[in-house]
Every structure is written in C-alpha cells, then in structure tokens.
N, C-alpha and C. Protein backbone atom coordinates (compact mmCIF):
# COMPACT_ATOMS: atom_id res chain seq x y z
N UNK A 1 211.42 113.44 104.24
CA UNK A 1 211.67 113.42 102.81
C UNK A 1 211.06 112.18 102.14
N UNK A 2 211.24 111.03 102.87
CA UNK A 2 210.70 109.77 102.33
C UNK A 2 209.17 109.86 102.22
N UNK A 3 208.50 110.42 103.30
CA UNK A 3 207.05 110.52 103.30
C UNK A 3 206.58 111.40 102.13
N UNK A 4 207.28 112.52 101.92
CA UNK A 4 206.92 113.41 100.80
C UNK A 4 207.04 112.70 99.48
N UNK A 5 208.09 111.90 99.30
CA UNK A 5 208.26 111.21 98.02
C UNK A 5 207.16 110.19 97.80
N UNK A 6 206.77 109.47 98.91
CA UNK A 6 205.74 108.47 98.75
C UNK A 6 204.41 109.13 98.39
N UNK A 7 204.08 110.26 99.08
CA UNK A 7 202.83 110.98 98.79
C UNK A 7 202.82 111.49 97.34
N UNK A 8 203.95 112.00 96.89
CA UNK A 8 204.06 112.54 95.54
C UNK A 8 203.83 111.45 94.52
N UNK A 9 204.41 110.26 94.72
CA UNK A 9 204.26 109.16 93.83
C UNK A 9 202.84 108.67 93.83
N UNK A 10 202.19 108.67 95.01
CA UNK A 10 200.80 108.23 95.10
C UNK A 10 199.87 109.18 94.32
N UNK A 11 200.10 110.50 94.50
CA UNK A 11 199.27 111.48 93.80
C UNK A 11 199.43 111.36 92.30
N UNK A 12 200.67 111.20 91.86
CA UNK A 12 200.91 111.06 90.41
C UNK A 12 200.23 109.82 89.88
N UNK A 13 200.27 108.74 90.64
CA UNK A 13 199.65 107.47 90.19
C UNK A 13 198.12 107.65 90.06
N UNK A 14 197.54 108.36 91.04
CA UNK A 14 196.09 108.62 90.96
C UNK A 14 195.72 109.39 89.71
N UNK A 15 196.50 110.45 89.41
CA UNK A 15 196.20 111.30 88.27
C UNK A 15 196.37 110.53 86.97
N UNK A 16 197.46 109.85 86.77
CA UNK A 16 197.69 109.09 85.54
C UNK A 16 196.74 107.93 85.41
N UNK A 17 196.38 107.32 86.58
CA UNK A 17 195.39 106.24 86.57
C UNK A 17 194.05 106.70 86.06
N UNK A 18 193.65 107.94 86.45
CA UNK A 18 192.41 108.51 85.96
C UNK A 18 192.43 108.73 84.48
N UNK A 19 193.53 109.29 83.97
CA UNK A 19 193.64 109.62 82.56
C UNK A 19 193.61 108.34 81.72
N UNK A 20 194.14 107.27 82.26
CA UNK A 20 194.24 106.03 81.49
C UNK A 20 192.99 105.15 81.64
N UNK A 21 192.14 105.49 82.63
CA UNK A 21 191.04 104.59 82.91
C UNK A 21 189.96 104.65 81.87
N UNK A 22 189.20 103.59 81.72
CA UNK A 22 188.08 103.58 80.79
C UNK A 22 186.88 104.27 81.43
N UNK A 23 186.16 105.17 80.73
CA UNK A 23 185.03 105.86 81.30
C UNK A 23 183.93 104.89 81.71
N UNK A 24 183.87 103.72 81.09
CA UNK A 24 182.82 102.76 81.42
C UNK A 24 182.93 102.21 82.81
N UNK A 25 184.16 102.32 83.43
CA UNK A 25 184.39 101.77 84.76
C UNK A 25 183.80 102.66 85.83
N UNK A 26 183.37 103.88 85.51
CA UNK A 26 182.89 104.82 86.53
C UNK A 26 181.43 105.18 86.28
N UNK A 27 180.74 105.65 87.36
CA UNK A 27 179.39 106.12 87.19
C UNK A 27 179.33 107.28 86.23
N UNK A 28 180.32 108.18 86.29
CA UNK A 28 180.41 109.25 85.33
C UNK A 28 181.88 109.76 85.31
N UNK A 29 182.30 110.28 84.19
CA UNK A 29 183.60 110.93 84.04
C UNK A 29 183.32 112.36 83.68
N UNK A 30 183.87 113.32 84.47
CA UNK A 30 183.55 114.70 84.27
C UNK A 30 184.81 115.55 84.15
N UNK A 31 184.61 116.75 83.63
CA UNK A 31 185.65 117.75 83.55
C UNK A 31 185.18 118.98 84.36
N UNK A 32 185.95 119.36 85.40
CA UNK A 32 185.63 120.51 86.22
C UNK A 32 186.66 121.60 85.94
N UNK A 33 186.23 122.75 85.43
CA UNK A 33 187.06 123.88 85.18
C UNK A 33 186.67 125.05 86.10
N UNK A 34 187.67 125.74 86.62
CA UNK A 34 187.40 126.82 87.56
C UNK A 34 188.39 127.99 87.33
N UNK A 35 187.90 129.16 87.62
CA UNK A 35 188.73 130.39 87.67
C UNK A 35 188.50 131.05 88.99
N UNK A 36 189.59 131.36 89.76
CA UNK A 36 189.45 132.01 91.03
C UNK A 36 190.35 133.25 91.04
N UNK A 37 189.89 134.24 91.84
CA UNK A 37 190.73 135.45 92.01
C UNK A 37 190.50 135.98 93.39
N UNK A 38 191.52 136.67 93.91
CA UNK A 38 191.40 137.36 95.19
C UNK A 38 192.26 138.61 95.19
N UNK A 39 191.81 139.60 96.01
CA UNK A 39 192.55 140.84 96.10
C UNK A 39 192.34 141.47 97.46
N UNK A 40 193.32 142.21 97.93
CA UNK A 40 193.19 142.91 99.19
C UNK A 40 192.50 144.25 98.94
N UNK A 41 191.48 144.57 99.72
CA UNK A 41 190.73 145.80 99.52
C UNK A 41 191.23 146.94 100.43
N UNK A 42 191.35 146.66 101.72
CA UNK A 42 191.85 147.67 102.68
C UNK A 42 192.28 146.95 103.92
N UNK A 43 193.57 147.02 104.20
CA UNK A 43 194.09 146.32 105.36
C UNK A 43 193.83 144.83 105.29
N UNK A 44 193.21 144.24 106.31
CA UNK A 44 192.96 142.83 106.32
C UNK A 44 191.73 142.38 105.54
N UNK A 45 191.00 143.32 104.93
CA UNK A 45 189.79 142.97 104.17
C UNK A 45 190.13 142.46 102.80
N UNK A 46 189.59 141.29 102.42
CA UNK A 46 189.90 140.68 101.11
C UNK A 46 188.62 140.37 100.38
N UNK A 47 188.69 140.43 99.06
CA UNK A 47 187.58 140.03 98.17
C UNK A 47 188.04 138.79 97.41
N UNK A 48 187.20 137.75 97.44
CA UNK A 48 187.42 136.49 96.75
C UNK A 48 186.27 136.25 95.80
N UNK A 49 186.59 135.77 94.58
CA UNK A 49 185.52 135.44 93.62
C UNK A 49 185.97 134.28 92.78
N UNK A 50 185.00 133.46 92.33
CA UNK A 50 185.34 132.34 91.45
C UNK A 50 184.14 131.98 90.60
N UNK A 51 184.41 131.29 89.54
CA UNK A 51 183.38 130.74 88.68
C UNK A 51 183.84 129.34 88.27
N UNK A 52 182.91 128.41 88.15
CA UNK A 52 183.27 127.05 87.72
C UNK A 52 182.18 126.44 86.87
N UNK A 53 182.62 125.56 85.98
CA UNK A 53 181.70 124.84 85.10
C UNK A 53 182.12 123.36 85.10
N UNK A 54 181.10 122.49 85.03
CA UNK A 54 181.35 121.06 85.03
C UNK A 54 180.75 120.41 83.79
N UNK A 55 181.59 119.76 83.05
CA UNK A 55 181.12 118.97 81.87
C UNK A 55 180.81 117.56 82.36
N UNK A 56 179.53 117.12 82.20
CA UNK A 56 179.11 115.84 82.75
C UNK A 56 178.79 114.87 81.62
N UNK A 57 178.28 113.68 82.01
CA UNK A 57 177.90 112.65 81.00
C UNK A 57 179.08 112.33 80.10
N UNK A 58 180.20 111.93 80.71
CA UNK A 58 181.37 111.62 79.90
C UNK A 58 182.00 112.87 79.28
N UNK A 59 181.83 114.01 79.94
CA UNK A 59 182.38 115.32 79.46
C UNK A 59 181.69 115.77 78.18
N UNK A 60 180.43 115.38 77.96
CA UNK A 60 179.77 115.73 76.71
C UNK A 60 179.08 117.07 76.75
N UNK A 61 178.57 117.52 77.91
CA UNK A 61 177.92 118.82 77.95
C UNK A 61 178.04 119.44 79.36
N UNK A 62 177.85 120.75 79.40
CA UNK A 62 177.92 121.45 80.68
C UNK A 62 176.64 121.19 81.47
N UNK A 63 176.82 120.66 82.68
CA UNK A 63 175.65 120.35 83.50
C UNK A 63 175.61 121.14 84.80
N UNK A 64 176.63 121.97 85.04
CA UNK A 64 176.70 122.73 86.30
C UNK A 64 177.51 124.00 86.06
N UNK A 65 176.94 125.16 86.42
CA UNK A 65 177.68 126.42 86.34
C UNK A 65 177.45 127.16 87.67
N UNK A 66 178.52 127.74 88.20
CA UNK A 66 178.41 128.40 89.49
C UNK A 66 179.24 129.68 89.50
N UNK A 67 178.65 130.75 90.09
CA UNK A 67 179.36 131.99 90.34
C UNK A 67 179.34 132.28 91.84
N UNK A 68 180.49 132.62 92.39
CA UNK A 68 180.61 132.78 93.84
C UNK A 68 181.46 134.01 94.17
N UNK A 69 181.07 134.74 95.21
CA UNK A 69 181.87 135.86 95.70
C UNK A 69 181.80 135.93 97.20
N UNK A 70 182.85 136.37 97.84
CA UNK A 70 182.83 136.52 99.30
C UNK A 70 183.81 137.60 99.74
N UNK A 71 183.51 138.16 100.91
CA UNK A 71 184.38 139.09 101.59
C UNK A 71 184.95 138.42 102.82
N UNK A 72 186.26 138.59 103.06
CA UNK A 72 186.91 137.94 104.17
C UNK A 72 187.77 138.91 104.96
N UNK A 73 187.97 138.58 106.22
CA UNK A 73 188.80 139.38 107.14
C UNK A 73 189.95 138.49 107.58
N UNK A 74 191.16 138.90 107.22
CA UNK A 74 192.39 138.08 107.53
C UNK A 74 192.91 138.48 108.92
N UNK A 75 192.91 137.52 109.84
CA UNK A 75 193.41 137.77 111.18
C UNK A 75 194.90 137.72 111.22
N UNK A 76 195.54 138.26 112.29
CA UNK A 76 197.00 138.15 112.39
C UNK A 76 197.56 136.73 112.35
N UNK A 77 196.74 135.79 112.76
CA UNK A 77 197.14 134.37 112.75
C UNK A 77 197.05 133.76 111.35
N UNK A 78 196.65 134.53 110.32
CA UNK A 78 196.42 134.14 108.94
C UNK A 78 195.10 133.40 108.75
N UNK A 79 194.36 133.23 109.82
CA UNK A 79 193.00 132.70 109.70
C UNK A 79 192.12 133.68 108.90
N UNK A 80 191.26 133.18 108.01
CA UNK A 80 190.37 133.99 107.23
C UNK A 80 188.94 133.73 107.63
N UNK A 81 188.22 134.77 108.08
CA UNK A 81 186.80 134.70 108.44
C UNK A 81 186.04 135.39 107.34
N UNK A 82 185.09 134.73 106.68
CA UNK A 82 184.44 135.31 105.53
C UNK A 82 183.01 134.91 105.38
N UNK A 83 182.28 135.59 104.52
CA UNK A 83 180.95 135.27 104.14
C UNK A 83 180.66 135.66 102.73
N UNK A 84 179.74 134.97 102.07
CA UNK A 84 179.51 135.26 100.68
C UNK A 84 178.23 134.65 100.13
N UNK A 85 178.17 134.58 98.81
CA UNK A 85 176.98 134.14 98.10
C UNK A 85 177.36 133.40 96.82
N UNK A 86 176.63 132.31 96.50
CA UNK A 86 176.82 131.56 95.29
C UNK A 86 175.52 131.48 94.50
N UNK A 87 175.63 131.59 93.19
CA UNK A 87 174.51 131.32 92.29
C UNK A 87 174.85 130.14 91.45
N UNK A 88 173.93 129.13 91.44
CA UNK A 88 174.21 127.84 90.80
C UNK A 88 173.10 127.46 89.83
N UNK A 89 173.49 127.02 88.66
CA UNK A 89 172.55 126.40 87.69
C UNK A 89 173.02 124.96 87.45
N UNK A 90 172.13 123.99 87.73
CA UNK A 90 172.54 122.58 87.67
C UNK A 90 171.46 121.74 87.02
N UNK A 91 171.89 120.77 86.20
CA UNK A 91 170.98 119.77 85.59
C UNK A 91 170.80 118.63 86.59
N UNK A 92 169.56 118.17 86.75
CA UNK A 92 169.28 117.05 87.64
C UNK A 92 169.38 115.74 86.88
N UNK A 93 169.71 114.66 87.62
CA UNK A 93 169.78 113.35 87.04
C UNK A 93 168.42 112.91 86.49
N UNK A 94 167.38 113.35 87.19
CA UNK A 94 166.00 112.95 86.79
C UNK A 94 165.45 113.82 85.67
N UNK A 95 166.26 114.81 85.21
CA UNK A 95 165.80 115.69 84.13
C UNK A 95 165.43 117.05 84.69
N UNK A 96 165.52 118.07 83.85
CA UNK A 96 165.16 119.41 84.29
C UNK A 96 166.38 120.15 84.84
N UNK A 97 166.21 121.48 84.97
CA UNK A 97 167.29 122.33 85.47
C UNK A 97 166.83 123.01 86.75
N UNK A 98 167.73 123.06 87.73
CA UNK A 98 167.46 123.68 89.03
C UNK A 98 168.40 124.87 89.21
N UNK A 99 167.82 125.97 89.73
CA UNK A 99 168.62 127.14 90.05
C UNK A 99 168.71 127.26 91.55
N UNK A 100 169.85 127.70 92.05
CA UNK A 100 170.10 127.74 93.51
C UNK A 100 170.72 129.06 93.90
N UNK A 101 170.22 129.61 95.02
CA UNK A 101 170.82 130.77 95.69
C UNK A 101 171.43 130.22 96.98
N UNK A 102 172.72 130.56 97.24
CA UNK A 102 173.43 129.91 98.33
C UNK A 102 174.29 130.86 99.15
N UNK A 103 173.70 131.54 100.13
CA UNK A 103 174.57 132.30 101.08
C UNK A 103 175.41 131.30 101.90
N UNK A 104 176.60 131.75 102.32
CA UNK A 104 177.44 130.87 103.11
C UNK A 104 178.37 131.67 103.99
N UNK A 105 178.89 131.00 105.04
CA UNK A 105 179.91 131.53 105.91
C UNK A 105 181.09 130.55 105.91
N UNK A 106 182.28 131.10 106.04
CA UNK A 106 183.49 130.22 105.86
C UNK A 106 184.60 130.61 106.81
N UNK A 107 185.35 129.61 107.23
CA UNK A 107 186.50 129.81 108.10
C UNK A 107 187.68 129.02 107.53
N UNK A 108 188.78 129.70 107.15
CA UNK A 108 189.99 129.05 106.70
C UNK A 108 191.05 129.18 107.75
N UNK A 109 191.62 128.03 108.16
CA UNK A 109 192.55 128.05 109.29
C UNK A 109 193.84 127.30 108.88
N UNK A 110 195.03 127.94 108.90
CA UNK A 110 196.28 127.21 108.74
C UNK A 110 196.64 126.50 110.05
N UNK A 111 196.85 125.18 109.97
CA UNK A 111 197.09 124.42 111.19
C UNK A 111 198.59 124.20 111.48
N UNK A 112 199.46 124.64 110.56
CA UNK A 112 200.90 124.42 110.79
C UNK A 112 201.47 123.38 109.83
N UNK A 113 202.68 122.94 110.10
CA UNK A 113 203.37 122.11 109.15
C UNK A 113 203.57 120.69 109.70
N UNK A 114 203.55 119.75 108.75
CA UNK A 114 203.96 118.37 109.01
C UNK A 114 205.20 118.15 108.16
N UNK A 115 206.36 118.25 108.84
CA UNK A 115 207.61 118.26 108.07
C UNK A 115 207.64 119.57 107.28
N UNK A 116 207.77 119.48 105.96
CA UNK A 116 207.75 120.68 105.11
C UNK A 116 206.39 120.95 104.49
N UNK A 117 205.41 120.07 104.79
CA UNK A 117 204.08 120.21 104.17
C UNK A 117 203.19 121.10 105.07
N UNK A 118 202.35 121.92 104.40
CA UNK A 118 201.45 122.81 105.11
C UNK A 118 200.06 122.20 105.24
N UNK A 119 199.54 122.08 106.46
CA UNK A 119 198.23 121.52 106.71
C UNK A 119 197.27 122.68 107.00
N UNK A 120 196.09 122.63 106.39
CA UNK A 120 195.11 123.68 106.60
C UNK A 120 193.70 123.09 106.51
N UNK A 121 192.74 123.85 107.06
CA UNK A 121 191.34 123.41 106.98
C UNK A 121 190.44 124.52 106.44
N UNK A 122 189.32 124.14 105.88
CA UNK A 122 188.29 125.10 105.46
C UNK A 122 186.94 124.57 105.87
N UNK A 123 186.23 125.34 106.70
CA UNK A 123 184.91 124.97 107.16
C UNK A 123 183.88 125.91 106.48
N UNK A 124 182.90 125.36 105.80
CA UNK A 124 181.92 126.17 105.08
C UNK A 124 180.50 125.75 105.50
N UNK A 125 179.71 126.74 105.93
CA UNK A 125 178.29 126.50 106.35
C UNK A 125 177.42 127.17 105.29
N UNK A 126 176.56 126.39 104.64
CA UNK A 126 175.76 126.90 103.51
C UNK A 126 174.27 126.87 103.79
N UNK A 127 173.56 127.90 103.34
CA UNK A 127 172.10 127.95 103.39
C UNK A 127 171.62 127.92 101.91
N UNK A 128 170.98 126.81 101.53
CA UNK A 128 170.68 126.60 100.11
C UNK A 128 169.20 126.74 99.85
N UNK A 129 168.89 127.63 98.88
CA UNK A 129 167.49 127.84 98.44
C UNK A 129 167.37 127.45 96.98
N UNK A 130 166.49 126.48 96.71
CA UNK A 130 166.37 125.91 95.37
C UNK A 130 165.07 126.39 94.67
N UNK A 131 165.11 126.38 93.36
CA UNK A 131 163.96 126.83 92.56
C UNK A 131 162.84 125.81 92.51
N UNK A 132 163.10 124.52 92.81
CA UNK A 132 162.10 123.49 92.66
C UNK A 132 161.38 123.13 93.95
N UNK A 133 161.71 123.76 95.07
CA UNK A 133 160.90 123.60 96.28
C UNK A 133 161.22 124.76 97.24
N UNK A 134 160.32 124.99 98.18
CA UNK A 134 160.50 126.07 99.12
C UNK A 134 161.25 125.57 100.38
N UNK A 135 161.75 126.50 101.18
CA UNK A 135 162.49 126.14 102.37
C UNK A 135 163.98 126.27 102.15
N UNK A 136 164.70 126.17 103.23
CA UNK A 136 166.18 126.29 103.21
C UNK A 136 166.80 125.00 103.66
N UNK A 137 167.77 124.52 102.86
CA UNK A 137 168.54 123.34 103.22
C UNK A 137 169.90 123.80 103.77
N UNK A 138 170.27 123.28 104.92
CA UNK A 138 171.52 123.64 105.57
C UNK A 138 172.55 122.56 105.30
N UNK A 139 173.77 122.98 104.91
CA UNK A 139 174.82 122.02 104.61
C UNK A 139 176.14 122.44 105.21
N UNK A 140 176.85 121.52 105.79
CA UNK A 140 178.18 121.75 106.37
C UNK A 140 179.23 121.00 105.59
N UNK A 141 180.30 121.73 105.23
CA UNK A 141 181.43 121.09 104.49
C UNK A 141 182.72 121.32 105.28
N UNK A 142 183.52 120.24 105.40
CA UNK A 142 184.76 120.36 106.17
C UNK A 142 185.92 119.83 105.34
N UNK A 143 186.71 120.73 104.79
CA UNK A 143 187.84 120.32 103.96
C UNK A 143 189.14 120.33 104.78
N UNK A 144 189.96 119.33 104.53
CA UNK A 144 191.32 119.26 105.11
C UNK A 144 192.29 119.15 103.95
N UNK A 145 193.32 120.01 103.93
CA UNK A 145 194.22 120.13 102.78
C UNK A 145 195.68 120.06 103.24
N UNK A 146 196.47 119.36 102.44
CA UNK A 146 197.89 119.22 102.67
C UNK A 146 198.66 119.66 101.42
N UNK A 147 199.50 120.70 101.55
CA UNK A 147 200.29 121.22 100.42
C UNK A 147 201.76 120.78 100.65
N UNK A 148 202.29 119.97 99.75
CA UNK A 148 203.62 119.40 99.89
C UNK A 148 204.57 120.04 98.85
N UNK A 149 205.56 120.82 99.30
CA UNK A 149 206.45 121.45 98.37
C UNK A 149 207.36 120.40 97.66
N UNK A 150 207.49 120.54 96.34
CA UNK A 150 208.29 119.59 95.57
C UNK A 150 209.53 120.28 94.98
N UNK A 151 209.37 121.46 94.49
CA UNK A 151 210.49 122.17 93.88
C UNK A 151 210.41 123.66 94.29
N UNK A 152 211.36 124.09 95.12
CA UNK A 152 211.31 125.45 95.67
C UNK A 152 211.57 126.51 94.60
N UNK A 153 212.37 126.18 93.62
CA UNK A 153 212.70 127.17 92.55
C UNK A 153 211.43 127.53 91.76
N UNK A 154 210.60 126.56 91.42
CA UNK A 154 209.40 126.82 90.62
C UNK A 154 208.17 127.05 91.49
N UNK A 155 208.23 126.67 92.77
CA UNK A 155 207.07 126.73 93.63
C UNK A 155 206.10 125.57 93.48
N UNK A 156 206.49 124.53 92.73
CA UNK A 156 205.63 123.39 92.51
C UNK A 156 205.24 122.68 93.80
N UNK A 157 203.95 122.39 93.98
CA UNK A 157 203.45 121.69 95.15
C UNK A 157 202.57 120.53 94.73
N UNK A 158 202.55 119.50 95.52
CA UNK A 158 201.51 118.46 95.41
C UNK A 158 200.41 118.82 96.45
N UNK A 159 199.17 118.75 96.00
CA UNK A 159 198.03 119.08 96.88
C UNK A 159 197.23 117.81 97.08
N UNK A 160 196.92 117.50 98.34
CA UNK A 160 196.03 116.41 98.70
C UNK A 160 194.92 116.94 99.60
N UNK A 161 193.69 116.71 99.23
CA UNK A 161 192.56 117.27 99.99
C UNK A 161 191.45 116.22 100.13
N UNK A 162 190.71 116.33 101.23
CA UNK A 162 189.47 115.58 101.40
C UNK A 162 188.43 116.46 102.03
N UNK A 163 187.18 116.26 101.64
CA UNK A 163 186.08 117.14 102.10
C UNK A 163 184.76 116.41 102.19
N UNK A 164 184.36 116.03 103.43
CA UNK A 164 183.06 115.43 103.62
C UNK A 164 181.97 116.52 103.65
N UNK A 165 180.77 116.18 103.18
CA UNK A 165 179.61 117.09 103.21
C UNK A 165 178.53 116.47 104.09
N UNK A 166 177.86 117.35 104.88
CA UNK A 166 176.79 116.89 105.77
C UNK A 166 175.57 117.75 105.59
N UNK A 167 174.46 117.14 105.20
CA UNK A 167 173.14 117.84 105.07
C UNK A 167 172.47 117.80 106.44
N UNK A 168 172.15 118.98 106.99
CA UNK A 168 171.70 119.08 108.37
C UNK A 168 170.21 119.04 108.56
N UNK A 169 169.45 119.25 107.45
CA UNK A 169 167.98 119.26 107.64
C UNK A 169 167.31 118.98 106.32
N UNK A 170 166.02 118.61 106.41
CA UNK A 170 165.18 118.45 105.21
C UNK A 170 163.99 119.39 105.35
N UNK A 171 163.86 120.39 104.46
CA UNK A 171 162.74 121.33 104.54
C UNK A 171 161.41 120.59 104.54
N UNK A 172 160.42 121.17 105.20
CA UNK A 172 159.12 120.55 105.27
C UNK A 172 158.52 120.22 103.88
N UNK A 173 158.02 118.99 103.78
CA UNK A 173 157.42 118.59 102.51
C UNK A 173 158.38 118.08 101.47
N UNK A 174 159.65 117.91 101.83
CA UNK A 174 160.64 117.39 100.88
C UNK A 174 161.19 116.08 101.41
N UNK A 175 161.87 115.35 100.51
CA UNK A 175 162.52 114.09 100.91
C UNK A 175 164.05 114.22 100.79
N UNK A 176 164.57 115.39 101.03
CA UNK A 176 166.03 115.63 100.99
C UNK A 176 166.74 114.70 101.98
N UNK A 177 167.70 113.85 101.53
CA UNK A 177 168.41 112.97 102.46
C UNK A 177 169.29 113.79 103.39
N UNK A 178 169.25 113.50 104.66
CA UNK A 178 170.05 114.22 105.64
C UNK A 178 171.23 113.36 106.12
N UNK A 179 172.19 113.98 106.81
CA UNK A 179 173.35 113.27 107.32
C UNK A 179 174.52 113.38 106.38
N UNK A 180 175.40 112.40 106.47
CA UNK A 180 176.59 112.34 105.65
C UNK A 180 176.19 112.12 104.21
N UNK A 181 176.40 113.14 103.35
CA UNK A 181 175.88 113.11 101.97
C UNK A 181 176.88 112.72 100.93
N UNK A 182 178.10 113.27 100.96
CA UNK A 182 179.11 112.95 99.98
C UNK A 182 180.49 113.26 100.51
N UNK A 183 181.51 112.77 99.80
CA UNK A 183 182.90 113.10 100.15
C UNK A 183 183.68 113.33 98.85
N UNK A 184 184.46 114.38 98.83
CA UNK A 184 185.31 114.66 97.70
C UNK A 184 186.77 114.53 98.11
N UNK A 185 187.54 113.88 97.27
CA UNK A 185 188.97 113.67 97.56
C UNK A 185 189.77 114.08 96.30
N UNK A 186 190.75 114.93 96.53
CA UNK A 186 191.50 115.52 95.42
C UNK A 186 192.98 115.22 95.59
N UNK A 187 193.65 114.91 94.47
CA UNK A 187 195.13 114.81 94.46
C UNK A 187 195.63 115.43 93.18
N UNK A 188 196.58 116.33 93.27
CA UNK A 188 197.10 116.99 92.07
C UNK A 188 198.29 117.86 92.37
N UNK A 189 198.55 118.77 91.44
CA UNK A 189 199.68 119.68 91.59
C UNK A 189 199.22 121.11 91.51
N UNK A 190 199.99 122.00 92.14
CA UNK A 190 199.79 123.43 92.03
C UNK A 190 201.10 124.03 91.54
N UNK A 191 201.02 124.74 90.38
CA UNK A 191 202.23 125.30 89.75
C UNK A 191 202.07 126.80 89.55
N UNK A 192 202.80 127.62 90.26
CA UNK A 192 202.83 129.07 89.97
C UNK A 192 203.49 129.35 88.63
N UNK A 193 202.86 130.21 87.79
CA UNK A 193 203.50 130.57 86.53
C UNK A 193 203.90 132.05 86.54
N UNK A 194 203.55 132.76 87.64
CA UNK A 194 204.01 134.11 87.90
C UNK A 194 203.65 134.39 89.36
N UNK A 195 204.12 135.53 89.91
CA UNK A 195 203.74 135.82 91.31
C UNK A 195 202.23 135.98 91.52
N UNK A 196 201.46 136.26 90.46
CA UNK A 196 200.02 136.48 90.59
C UNK A 196 199.15 135.35 90.01
N UNK A 197 199.75 134.39 89.33
CA UNK A 197 198.94 133.38 88.63
C UNK A 197 199.48 132.00 88.93
N UNK A 198 198.58 131.04 89.15
CA UNK A 198 198.94 129.67 89.38
C UNK A 198 197.93 128.74 88.73
N UNK A 199 198.38 127.54 88.37
CA UNK A 199 197.51 126.53 87.77
C UNK A 199 197.52 125.33 88.67
N UNK A 200 196.28 124.84 88.97
CA UNK A 200 196.14 123.62 89.77
C UNK A 200 195.45 122.57 88.90
N UNK A 201 195.99 121.39 88.83
CA UNK A 201 195.41 120.32 88.00
C UNK A 201 195.52 119.00 88.76
N UNK A 202 194.50 118.17 88.63
CA UNK A 202 194.53 116.89 89.29
C UNK A 202 193.25 116.09 89.10
N UNK A 203 193.15 115.07 89.94
CA UNK A 203 192.02 114.13 89.90
C UNK A 203 191.18 114.37 91.15
N UNK A 204 189.85 114.51 90.94
CA UNK A 204 188.91 114.67 92.05
C UNK A 204 187.90 113.54 92.03
N UNK A 205 187.84 112.82 93.12
CA UNK A 205 186.89 111.74 93.28
C UNK A 205 185.71 112.25 94.11
N UNK A 206 184.51 112.16 93.54
CA UNK A 206 183.31 112.62 94.23
C UNK A 206 182.36 111.42 94.44
N UNK A 207 182.26 110.98 95.72
CA UNK A 207 181.40 109.82 96.01
C UNK A 207 180.16 110.35 96.74
N UNK A 208 178.98 110.14 96.15
CA UNK A 208 177.72 110.61 96.67
C UNK A 208 176.94 109.41 97.21
N UNK A 209 176.47 109.50 98.49
CA UNK A 209 175.91 108.33 99.15
C UNK A 209 174.43 108.06 98.86
N UNK A 210 173.55 109.08 98.81
CA UNK A 210 172.10 108.78 98.69
C UNK A 210 171.76 108.06 97.38
N UNK A 211 170.56 107.44 97.37
CA UNK A 211 170.05 106.75 96.18
C UNK A 211 170.95 105.63 95.75
N UNK A 212 171.49 104.90 96.67
CA UNK A 212 172.31 103.74 96.33
C UNK A 212 173.77 104.07 96.10
N UNK A 213 174.09 105.35 96.07
CA UNK A 213 175.51 105.77 95.91
C UNK A 213 175.94 105.79 94.46
N UNK A 214 176.78 106.77 94.15
CA UNK A 214 177.42 106.84 92.82
C UNK A 214 178.72 107.60 92.97
N UNK A 215 179.60 107.40 91.99
CA UNK A 215 180.91 107.99 92.05
C UNK A 215 181.20 108.72 90.73
N UNK A 216 181.69 109.93 90.83
CA UNK A 216 182.12 110.73 89.68
C UNK A 216 183.62 110.84 89.73
N UNK A 217 184.28 110.52 88.59
CA UNK A 217 185.73 110.64 88.46
C UNK A 217 185.99 111.85 87.59
N UNK A 218 186.60 112.87 88.21
CA UNK A 218 186.68 114.19 87.58
C UNK A 218 188.11 114.66 87.34
N UNK A 219 188.37 115.17 86.14
CA UNK A 219 189.59 115.87 85.87
C UNK A 219 189.32 117.35 86.24
N UNK A 220 190.13 117.87 87.21
CA UNK A 220 189.89 119.21 87.76
C UNK A 220 191.03 120.14 87.35
N UNK A 221 190.70 121.27 86.72
CA UNK A 221 191.65 122.26 86.33
C UNK A 221 191.24 123.64 86.83
N UNK A 222 192.14 124.34 87.51
CA UNK A 222 191.85 125.64 88.09
C UNK A 222 192.92 126.63 87.74
N UNK A 223 192.47 127.81 87.28
CA UNK A 223 193.37 128.92 87.09
C UNK A 223 193.10 129.91 88.24
N UNK A 224 194.17 130.16 89.07
CA UNK A 224 194.01 131.03 90.23
C UNK A 224 194.81 132.31 90.05
N UNK A 225 194.23 133.44 90.39
CA UNK A 225 194.94 134.71 90.31
C UNK A 225 194.81 135.46 91.61
N UNK A 226 195.76 136.38 91.85
CA UNK A 226 195.65 137.24 93.03
C UNK A 226 196.31 138.55 92.68
N UNK A 227 195.78 139.65 93.26
CA UNK A 227 196.26 140.99 92.95
C UNK A 227 196.39 141.81 94.24
C-alpha cells in the first residue's frame, strides 16, 4: 500500500509539474491526442484501430497524424499476438512533409501482479517505408507498463510506462542513425466513464538521442473505447 501511494504521488507530481512548467525550459512542448477502439470479431479474433494527432512547436500546429489498424489473436493466457499497418504524415524539423507506410507485428503479454498493480509488456516490430527515400527501416519498440489501482469503485488507475526504441538498420544510401534511438516515459491516470469508454490523461516525456539529443514534453490525452 505504501509503494502504491508513493508511486501515485510521484505520478501526480510529474503531471502537475508539466502543466506548471515554462515551455521555454523544454526543447518542445506538445499536445498528443488519440482515439482508440477495439472489438471482438469471432472467438479470440480481435480488431484494434486508433488515430492520433500531435500539436507541435508549443502546441501551435498539427505536425503528426497517424492512422493504425491491426488484427489480433487472444490466447488463453491473455497474450495478444497481432499484426497491422500504420499510415503516418509528419512534418520534419528540417522542413517539408514526409509520408510513411508502416506494417508491424506486435505481442502484448500480461506478466502478472506486483502487489495489486498489473505489470505488462508490449513488443512491436515495425517495417517503415518513407516517401523521401527508398528502402525499409526496421525498428523495435519495447514497452513496459504498470497499472496501479487507486479506487475500485470508479476503476481509477495510475499508469506508469516506459518504452525504448531501437533502429536496427540504415537503408542503402541513407544516413539514418541506428541503435538506441529514443525513449518515451509516461505517467498519468486511466478513468473508466462507462463499461465501454475510458479516458487516459498524463505526461509523456520523449527523449530522442540522435543529432545531439532533444526532449519533448507532451500532454497526452486518449479516449479509448471497446465493443
């Protein structure tokens, strides 16, 4: 109970610290909005879809839009094996707009509980095709998530996540940096407002290593549905 209270206080401090911070202290302050949905199709077969938009440059304009869909097979162990596709439109720091086609494969695994908190992982392997050069860039993402129940009556949870990204190759003729590329760390809350709808809100820190490194401080809001 004491560990849960300390984690909850820490997450709240991170969120309120972000809201109170001056934008000038960060490389960029962004707003990330997302909508996700999932539904059972037949037996263990599930359909997942989401869309997200990111307001960049101090939340002044949309610099990233993504649409993603995937089909997954839910095993008796609750592990989800899935594959899907993302379409991405993104503004580059150097100027111009890049379009991306991104097939991917994914594995979601519940690892069990630490006290009352649920620990889980998500492994995603992506094949990225960009409009500004030929070839395929391979990327591996490994998320670890901890969901800490706060109020059983409302279903309120504190969510803490971290996700390192690894670029596995550089297509011929490109200077794509390989290796450990970035890490995202999230702290926030998840609040069900009905059996089918939940809202997740919090602070997401995105630290990108190449080109001298930069950090984005992001307010993240997600509306999640299931049917």
